[in-house]
Amino acid sequence: MREARPDDLPRIVNIERRSFKHPYSPGLMVSLMALAGDLFVVYEVGGEVVGYAVALLREGRLGHIMSIAVDPGHRGRGVGTALLSELLRRLKERGALVARLEVRVSNEAALRLYRKLGFKEMYVVPDYYPDGEACYVMVKWL
């Protein structure tokens, strides 16, 4: 695991597209990389990026998990757990008191991961996604 680099972007964008119904654009991923710094991490297997996670530190105390995704061929192997655990560690190290994220109410695999790492559902936002699906806002106190 390491900080993401600009040359990782094509692989990150590919993983993003394969993971989400409404993926972030390549331009947004470039912006996130610039804004997040070392809060944008990748996980490599055999020199190939197979997953990434990115967060922003807001107001010095809120860690906002913006995106986390693992290549479909590498899911179920602990990559997501490792990525999110590392991001939470880095956020806490920088003084974040809480981490938050949004997740589709239908994304059972992600919900299992977040609950396993101590996130709790706080409330539902109806029509959050472009297709009309709701999301849970989840938080974890660091």
N, C-alpha and C. Protein backbone atom coordinates (compact mmCIF):
# COMPACT_ATOMS: atom_id res chain seq x y z
N MET A 1 0.84 -1.17 0.00
CA MET A 1 0.00 0.00 0.00
C MET A 1 0.89 1.23 0.00
N ARG A 2 0.43 2.25 -0.75
CA ARG A 2 1.22 3.47 -0.86
C ARG A 2 0.32 4.62 -1.30
N GLU A 3 0.88 5.82 -1.25
CA GLU A 3 0.17 6.99 -1.75
C GLU A 3 0.02 6.88 -3.26
N ALA A 4 -1.13 7.29 -3.76
CA ALA A 4 -1.38 7.27 -5.20
C ALA A 4 -0.50 8.29 -5.90
N ARG A 5 -0.11 7.96 -7.13
CA ARG A 5 0.69 8.85 -7.97
C ARG A 5 -0.08 9.15 -9.27
N PRO A 6 0.26 10.24 -9.93
CA PRO A 6 -0.44 10.57 -11.18
C PRO A 6 -0.43 9.44 -12.21
N ASP A 7 0.66 8.67 -12.28
CA ASP A 7 0.69 7.60 -13.27
C ASP A 7 -0.24 6.43 -12.91
N ASP A 8 -0.82 6.44 -11.70
CA ASP A 8 -1.81 5.43 -11.31
C ASP A 8 -3.21 5.76 -11.84
N LEU A 9 -3.42 6.99 -12.28
CA LEU A 9 -4.78 7.43 -12.62
C LEU A 9 -5.49 6.57 -13.65
N PRO A 10 -4.85 6.14 -14.75
CA PRO A 10 -5.60 5.29 -15.69
C PRO A 10 -6.15 4.02 -15.03
N ARG A 11 -5.36 3.39 -14.20
CA ARG A 11 -5.81 2.17 -13.51
C ARG A 11 -6.91 2.49 -12.49
N ILE A 12 -6.75 3.59 -11.76
CA ILE A 12 -7.76 4.01 -10.78
C ILE A 12 -9.08 4.29 -11.47
N VAL A 13 -9.04 5.02 -12.58
CA VAL A 13 -10.25 5.34 -13.33
C VAL A 13 -10.91 4.05 -13.84
N ASN A 14 -10.11 3.10 -14.29
CA ASN A 14 -10.65 1.82 -14.76
C ASN A 14 -11.36 1.07 -13.63
N ILE A 15 -10.74 1.03 -12.47
CA ILE A 15 -11.36 0.37 -11.31
C ILE A 15 -12.65 1.10 -10.93
N GLU A 16 -12.62 2.41 -10.93
CA GLU A 16 -13.81 3.22 -10.61
C GLU A 16 -14.95 2.88 -11.57
N ARG A 17 -14.66 2.83 -12.85
CA ARG A 17 -15.70 2.53 -13.87
C ARG A 17 -16.27 1.14 -13.71
N ARG A 18 -15.43 0.19 -13.32
CA ARG A 18 -15.89 -1.19 -13.18
C ARG A 18 -16.62 -1.42 -11.86
N SER A 19 -16.56 -0.45 -10.95
CA SER A 19 -17.11 -0.63 -9.62
C SER A 19 -18.42 0.08 -9.36
N PHE A 20 -18.72 1.14 -10.11
CA PHE A 20 -19.88 1.98 -9.77
C PHE A 20 -20.79 2.22 -10.96
N LYS A 21 -22.10 2.30 -10.68
CA LYS A 21 -23.09 2.63 -11.71
C LYS A 21 -22.86 4.02 -12.27
N HIS A 22 -22.47 4.94 -11.39
CA HIS A 22 -22.23 6.33 -11.77
C HIS A 22 -20.84 6.73 -11.30
N PRO A 23 -19.80 6.30 -12.04
CA PRO A 23 -18.43 6.54 -11.58
C PRO A 23 -18.05 8.02 -11.63
N TYR A 24 -17.09 8.35 -10.79
CA TYR A 24 -16.50 9.69 -10.85
C TYR A 24 -15.77 9.83 -12.18
N SER A 25 -15.76 11.03 -12.70
CA SER A 25 -15.07 11.31 -13.98
C SER A 25 -13.56 11.30 -13.76
N PRO A 26 -12.80 11.07 -14.85
CA PRO A 26 -11.34 11.16 -14.72
C PRO A 26 -10.90 12.52 -14.19
N GLY A 27 -11.56 13.59 -14.62
CA GLY A 27 -11.21 14.93 -14.14
C GLY A 27 -11.40 15.07 -12.65
N LEU A 28 -12.48 14.51 -12.14
CA LEU A 28 -12.71 14.58 -10.69
C LEU A 28 -11.66 13.77 -9.95
N MET A 29 -11.27 12.63 -10.49
CA MET A 29 -10.23 11.83 -9.84
C MET A 29 -8.90 12.59 -9.79
N VAL A 30 -8.58 13.33 -10.86
CA VAL A 30 -7.37 14.16 -10.87
C VAL A 30 -7.46 15.21 -9.75
N SER A 31 -8.63 15.84 -9.64
CA SER A 31 -8.83 16.85 -8.59
C SER A 31 -8.70 16.25 -7.20
N LEU A 32 -9.31 15.08 -7.00
CA LEU A 32 -9.22 14.42 -5.70
C LEU A 32 -7.77 14.10 -5.35
N MET A 33 -7.01 13.66 -6.35
CA MET A 33 -5.60 13.34 -6.09
C MET A 33 -4.86 14.60 -5.65
N ALA A 34 -5.13 15.72 -6.29
CA ALA A 34 -4.46 16.97 -5.93
C ALA A 34 -4.88 17.44 -4.54
N LEU A 35 -6.14 17.31 -4.21
CA LEU A 35 -6.65 17.79 -2.93
C LEU A 35 -6.31 16.87 -1.76
N ALA A 36 -6.33 15.57 -2.00
CA ALA A 36 -6.20 14.60 -0.91
C ALA A 36 -4.76 14.34 -0.48
N GLY A 37 -3.81 14.48 -1.39
CA GLY A 37 -2.42 14.19 -1.06
C GLY A 37 -2.25 12.76 -0.60
N ASP A 38 -1.68 12.57 0.58
CA ASP A 38 -1.44 11.19 1.05
C ASP A 38 -2.68 10.54 1.64
N LEU A 39 -3.83 11.19 1.52
CA LEU A 39 -5.10 10.55 1.87
C LEU A 39 -5.74 9.89 0.64
N PHE A 40 -4.96 9.73 -0.40
CA PHE A 40 -5.36 8.98 -1.59
C PHE A 40 -4.36 7.82 -1.69
N VAL A 41 -4.81 6.62 -1.34
CA VAL A 41 -3.91 5.47 -1.26
C VAL A 41 -4.34 4.39 -2.26
N VAL A 42 -3.34 3.62 -2.69
CA VAL A 42 -3.60 2.49 -3.57
C VAL A 42 -3.01 1.23 -2.95
N TYR A 43 -3.58 0.11 -3.37
CA TYR A 43 -3.12 -1.21 -2.93
C TYR A 43 -2.63 -1.93 -4.18
N GLU A 44 -1.42 -2.44 -4.11
CA GLU A 44 -0.83 -3.14 -5.26
C GLU A 44 -0.69 -4.63 -4.98
N VAL A 45 -0.86 -5.39 -6.04
CA VAL A 45 -0.55 -6.82 -6.02
C VAL A 45 0.32 -7.08 -7.25
N GLY A 46 1.51 -7.56 -7.03
CA GLY A 46 2.42 -7.82 -8.14
C GLY A 46 2.72 -6.59 -8.98
N GLY A 47 2.78 -5.43 -8.34
CA GLY A 47 3.09 -4.20 -9.05
C GLY A 47 1.91 -3.55 -9.75
N GLU A 48 0.72 -4.16 -9.66
CA GLU A 48 -0.47 -3.62 -10.31
C GLU A 48 -1.43 -3.08 -9.25
N VAL A 49 -1.94 -1.87 -9.49
CA VAL A 49 -2.93 -1.29 -8.59
C VAL A 49 -4.22 -2.09 -8.73
N VAL A 50 -4.71 -2.62 -7.59
CA VAL A 50 -5.95 -3.41 -7.60
C VAL A 50 -7.05 -2.77 -6.76
N GLY A 51 -6.72 -1.65 -6.11
CA GLY A 51 -7.73 -0.95 -5.33
C GLY A 51 -7.22 0.40 -4.90
N TYR A 52 -8.15 1.26 -4.53
CA TYR A 52 -7.77 2.58 -4.06
C TYR A 52 -8.81 3.07 -3.05
N ALA A 53 -8.41 4.05 -2.27
CA ALA A 53 -9.33 4.73 -1.35
C ALA A 53 -8.85 6.17 -1.23
N VAL A 54 -9.83 7.08 -1.12
CA VAL A 54 -9.48 8.49 -1.03
C VAL A 54 -10.41 9.18 -0.04
N ALA A 55 -9.82 10.08 0.75
CA ALA A 55 -10.58 10.86 1.73
C ALA A 55 -10.10 12.30 1.69
N LEU A 56 -10.95 13.18 2.15
CA LEU A 56 -10.59 14.58 2.34
C LEU A 56 -10.78 14.91 3.81
N LEU A 57 -9.91 15.74 4.33
CA LEU A 57 -10.03 16.21 5.71
C LEU A 57 -10.71 17.56 5.65
N ARG A 58 -11.91 17.63 6.23
CA ARG A 58 -12.71 18.85 6.18
C ARG A 58 -12.71 19.52 7.56
N GLU A 59 -12.49 20.82 7.56
CA GLU A 59 -12.51 21.61 8.78
C GLU A 59 -11.57 21.06 9.85
N GLY A 60 -10.58 20.31 9.42
CA GLY A 60 -9.57 19.81 10.34
C GLY A 60 -9.98 18.67 11.24
N ARG A 61 -11.26 18.32 11.25
CA ARG A 61 -11.74 17.30 12.19
C ARG A 61 -12.62 16.23 11.57
N LEU A 62 -13.10 16.45 10.36
CA LEU A 62 -14.00 15.50 9.70
C LEU A 62 -13.29 14.85 8.53
N GLY A 63 -13.11 13.55 8.59
CA GLY A 63 -12.56 12.80 7.47
C GLY A 63 -13.70 12.30 6.61
N HIS A 64 -13.77 12.76 5.38
CA HIS A 64 -14.84 12.37 4.47
C HIS A 64 -14.28 11.36 3.48
N ILE A 65 -14.72 10.12 3.60
CA ILE A 65 -14.31 9.07 2.67
C ILE A 65 -15.05 9.34 1.36
N MET A 66 -14.30 9.70 0.33
CA MET A 66 -14.91 10.09 -0.95
C MET A 66 -15.18 8.88 -1.84
N SER A 67 -14.26 7.94 -1.84
CA SER A 67 -14.43 6.75 -2.69
C SER A 67 -13.47 5.67 -2.23
N ILE A 68 -13.93 4.44 -2.37
CA ILE A 68 -13.09 3.27 -2.16
C ILE A 68 -13.58 2.22 -3.14
N ALA A 69 -12.65 1.59 -3.82
CA ALA A 69 -13.04 0.56 -4.79
C ALA A 69 -11.91 -0.44 -4.96
N VAL A 70 -12.30 -1.67 -5.21
CA VAL A 70 -11.37 -2.77 -5.44
C VAL A 70 -11.74 -3.41 -6.77
N ASP A 71 -10.74 -3.70 -7.57
CA ASP A 71 -10.96 -4.37 -8.85
C ASP A 71 -11.79 -5.63 -8.61
N PRO A 72 -12.81 -5.87 -9.44
CA PRO A 72 -13.68 -7.04 -9.21
C PRO A 72 -12.94 -8.36 -9.06
N GLY A 73 -11.83 -8.54 -9.73
CA GLY A 73 -11.07 -9.78 -9.64
C GLY A 73 -10.30 -9.95 -8.35
N HIS A 74 -10.24 -8.92 -7.53
CA HIS A 74 -9.48 -8.97 -6.27
C HIS A 74 -10.36 -8.75 -5.04
N ARG A 75 -11.66 -8.76 -5.23
CA ARG A 75 -12.57 -8.56 -4.09
C ARG A 75 -12.62 -9.81 -3.22
N GLY A 76 -12.98 -9.60 -1.96
CA GLY A 76 -13.11 -10.72 -1.04
C GLY A 76 -11.79 -11.22 -0.50
N ARG A 77 -10.73 -10.45 -0.68
CA ARG A 77 -9.39 -10.87 -0.24
C ARG A 77 -8.80 -9.94 0.80
N GLY A 78 -9.62 -9.04 1.35
CA GLY A 78 -9.14 -8.14 2.39
C GLY A 78 -8.55 -6.84 1.90
N VAL A 79 -8.58 -6.60 0.59
CA VAL A 79 -8.01 -5.37 0.03
C VAL A 79 -8.79 -4.15 0.52
N GLY A 80 -10.11 -4.21 0.47
CA GLY A 80 -10.94 -3.09 0.92
C GLY A 80 -10.73 -2.80 2.39
N THR A 81 -10.66 -3.84 3.20
CA THR A 81 -10.42 -3.67 4.63
C THR A 81 -9.08 -3.00 4.88
N ALA A 82 -8.05 -3.45 4.17
CA ALA A 82 -6.71 -2.86 4.34
C ALA A 82 -6.70 -1.40 3.92
N LEU A 83 -7.32 -1.09 2.79
CA LEU A 83 -7.35 0.29 2.30
C LEU A 83 -8.08 1.22 3.27
N LEU A 84 -9.26 0.81 3.69
CA LEU A 84 -10.04 1.67 4.57
C LEU A 84 -9.38 1.80 5.94
N SER A 85 -8.79 0.73 6.45
CA SER A 85 -8.09 0.79 7.73
C SER A 85 -6.92 1.77 7.66
N GLU A 86 -6.18 1.74 6.57
CA GLU A 86 -5.05 2.65 6.40
C GLU A 86 -5.53 4.10 6.31
N LEU A 87 -6.60 4.33 5.57
CA LEU A 87 -7.15 5.68 5.45
C LEU A 87 -7.62 6.20 6.80
N LEU A 88 -8.29 5.37 7.58
CA LEU A 88 -8.74 5.78 8.91
C LEU A 88 -7.55 6.08 9.82
N ARG A 89 -6.51 5.28 9.72
CA ARG A 89 -5.30 5.54 10.51
C ARG A 89 -4.70 6.89 10.15
N ARG A 90 -4.61 7.17 8.86
CA ARG A 90 -4.03 8.44 8.41
C ARG A 90 -4.90 9.63 8.84
N LEU A 91 -6.21 9.47 8.75
CA LEU A 91 -7.10 10.55 9.17
C LEU A 91 -6.94 10.84 10.66
N LYS A 92 -6.91 9.79 11.46
CA LYS A 92 -6.75 9.97 12.90
C LYS A 92 -5.42 10.65 13.22
N GLU A 93 -4.37 10.23 12.51
CA GLU A 93 -3.04 10.80 12.70
C GLU A 93 -3.04 12.31 12.42
N ARG A 94 -3.89 12.75 11.52
CA ARG A 94 -3.97 14.17 11.15
C ARG A 94 -4.96 14.95 12.02
N GLY A 95 -5.56 14.28 13.00
CA GLY A 95 -6.41 14.99 13.93
C GLY A 95 -7.90 14.87 13.70
N ALA A 96 -8.29 14.05 12.73
CA ALA A 96 -9.73 13.86 12.50
C ALA A 96 -10.36 13.19 13.72
N LEU A 97 -11.54 13.64 14.07
CA LEU A 97 -12.27 13.06 15.19
C LEU A 97 -13.32 12.06 14.73
N VAL A 98 -13.78 12.22 13.51
CA VAL A 98 -14.83 11.37 12.96
C VAL A 98 -14.60 11.17 11.47
N ALA A 99 -15.00 10.01 10.97
CA ALA A 99 -14.98 9.73 9.53
C ALA A 99 -16.42 9.51 9.09
N ARG A 100 -16.75 10.00 7.91
CA ARG A 100 -18.10 9.81 7.37
C ARG A 100 -18.00 9.38 5.92
N LEU A 101 -19.07 8.74 5.47
CA LEU A 101 -19.15 8.31 4.08
C LEU A 101 -20.61 8.15 3.71
N GLU A 102 -20.85 8.07 2.41
CA GLU A 102 -22.18 7.78 1.89
C GLU A 102 -22.09 6.47 1.12
N VAL A 103 -23.13 5.64 1.23
CA VAL A 103 -23.14 4.35 0.57
C VAL A 103 -24.57 4.01 0.14
N ARG A 104 -24.69 3.41 -1.03
CA ARG A 104 -26.01 2.98 -1.52
C ARG A 104 -26.66 2.04 -0.51
N VAL A 105 -27.94 2.21 -0.28
CA VAL A 105 -28.63 1.34 0.66
C VAL A 105 -28.63 -0.11 0.18
N SER A 106 -28.44 -0.33 -1.12
CA SER A 106 -28.44 -1.69 -1.66
C SER A 106 -27.05 -2.34 -1.70
N ASN A 107 -26.01 -1.63 -1.34
CA ASN A 107 -24.65 -2.15 -1.46
C ASN A 107 -24.27 -2.96 -0.22
N GLU A 108 -24.75 -4.18 -0.19
CA GLU A 108 -24.55 -5.05 0.99
C GLU A 108 -23.08 -5.34 1.27
N ALA A 109 -22.28 -5.55 0.23
CA ALA A 109 -20.86 -5.84 0.46
C ALA A 109 -20.17 -4.67 1.14
N ALA A 110 -20.43 -3.46 0.66
CA ALA A 110 -19.82 -2.27 1.27
C ALA A 110 -20.34 -2.07 2.69
N LEU A 111 -21.63 -2.27 2.90
CA LEU A 111 -22.20 -2.11 4.24
C LEU A 111 -21.55 -3.08 5.23
N ARG A 112 -21.30 -4.32 4.81
CA ARG A 112 -20.63 -5.28 5.68
C ARG A 112 -19.24 -4.79 6.06
N LEU A 113 -18.50 -4.28 5.07
CA LEU A 113 -17.15 -3.78 5.32
C LEU A 113 -17.19 -2.61 6.31
N TYR A 114 -18.06 -1.65 6.06
CA TYR A 114 -18.11 -0.46 6.90
C TYR A 114 -18.54 -0.81 8.33
N ARG A 115 -19.52 -1.68 8.45
CA ARG A 115 -19.97 -2.08 9.79
C ARG A 115 -18.85 -2.83 10.52
N LYS A 116 -18.14 -3.69 9.80
CA LYS A 116 -17.04 -4.45 10.40
C LYS A 116 -15.97 -3.52 10.97
N LEU A 117 -15.76 -2.38 10.31
CA LEU A 117 -14.75 -1.43 10.76
C LEU A 117 -15.30 -0.37 11.71
N GLY A 118 -16.56 -0.55 12.15
CA GLY A 118 -17.10 0.31 13.19
C GLY A 118 -17.96 1.47 12.74
N PHE A 119 -18.27 1.56 11.46
CA PHE A 119 -19.16 2.61 10.99
C PHE A 119 -20.60 2.27 11.38
N LYS A 120 -21.37 3.31 11.67
CA LYS A 120 -22.79 3.18 12.02
C LYS A 120 -23.63 4.04 11.08
N GLU A 121 -24.80 3.50 10.70
CA GLU A 121 -25.72 4.29 9.88
C GLU A 121 -26.32 5.39 10.74
N MET A 122 -26.25 6.61 10.26
CA MET A 122 -26.81 7.74 11.00
C MET A 122 -28.18 8.13 10.46
N TYR A 123 -28.30 8.20 9.13
CA TYR A 123 -29.58 8.55 8.52
C TYR A 123 -29.54 8.19 7.05
N VAL A 124 -30.71 8.26 6.43
CA VAL A 124 -30.87 7.95 5.00
C VAL A 124 -31.14 9.25 4.26
N VAL A 125 -30.49 9.39 3.10
CA VAL A 125 -30.76 10.52 2.21
C VAL A 125 -31.49 9.95 0.99
N PRO A 126 -32.79 10.25 0.83
CA PRO A 126 -33.52 9.74 -0.32
C PRO A 126 -33.02 10.37 -1.62
N ASP A 127 -33.13 9.63 -2.70
CA ASP A 127 -32.79 10.15 -4.04
C ASP A 127 -31.38 10.73 -4.11
N TYR A 128 -30.44 10.14 -3.42
CA TYR A 128 -29.07 10.67 -3.37
C TYR A 128 -28.33 10.47 -4.68
N TYR A 129 -28.52 9.31 -5.30
CA TYR A 129 -27.79 8.98 -6.52
C TYR A 129 -28.59 9.38 -7.75
N PRO A 130 -27.91 9.57 -8.89
CA PRO A 130 -28.62 10.00 -10.11
C PRO A 130 -29.76 9.08 -10.54
N ASP A 131 -29.68 7.80 -10.19
CA ASP A 131 -30.75 6.87 -10.56
C ASP A 131 -31.88 6.85 -9.53
N GLY A 132 -31.81 7.72 -8.52
CA GLY A 132 -32.87 7.83 -7.53
C GLY A 132 -32.70 7.00 -6.28
N GLU A 133 -31.65 6.18 -6.23
CA GLU A 133 -31.45 5.35 -5.04
C GLU A 133 -31.01 6.20 -3.85
N ALA A 134 -31.43 5.79 -2.68
CA ALA A 134 -31.06 6.46 -1.44
C ALA A 134 -29.68 6.01 -0.99
N CYS A 135 -29.10 6.78 -0.06
CA CYS A 135 -27.84 6.37 0.55
C CYS A 135 -27.99 6.43 2.06
N TYR A 136 -27.14 5.63 2.71
CA TYR A 136 -26.93 5.79 4.14
C TYR A 136 -25.76 6.74 4.31
N VAL A 137 -25.88 7.64 5.27
CA VAL A 137 -24.72 8.39 5.75
C VAL A 137 -24.24 7.62 6.97
N MET A 138 -22.98 7.21 6.93
CA MET A 138 -22.41 6.41 8.01
C MET A 138 -21.24 7.17 8.63
N VAL A 139 -21.07 7.00 9.93
CA VAL A 139 -19.96 7.66 10.63
C VAL A 139 -19.26 6.68 11.56
N LYS A 140 -18.00 7.02 11.81
CA LYS A 140 -17.19 6.27 12.77
C LYS A 140 -16.39 7.30 13.56
N TRP A 141 -16.48 7.24 14.88
CA TRP A 141 -15.69 8.11 15.73
C TRP A 141 -14.27 7.55 15.79
N LEU A 142 -13.31 8.42 15.59
CA LEU A 142 -11.91 7.99 15.56
C LEU A 142 -11.26 8.22 16.92
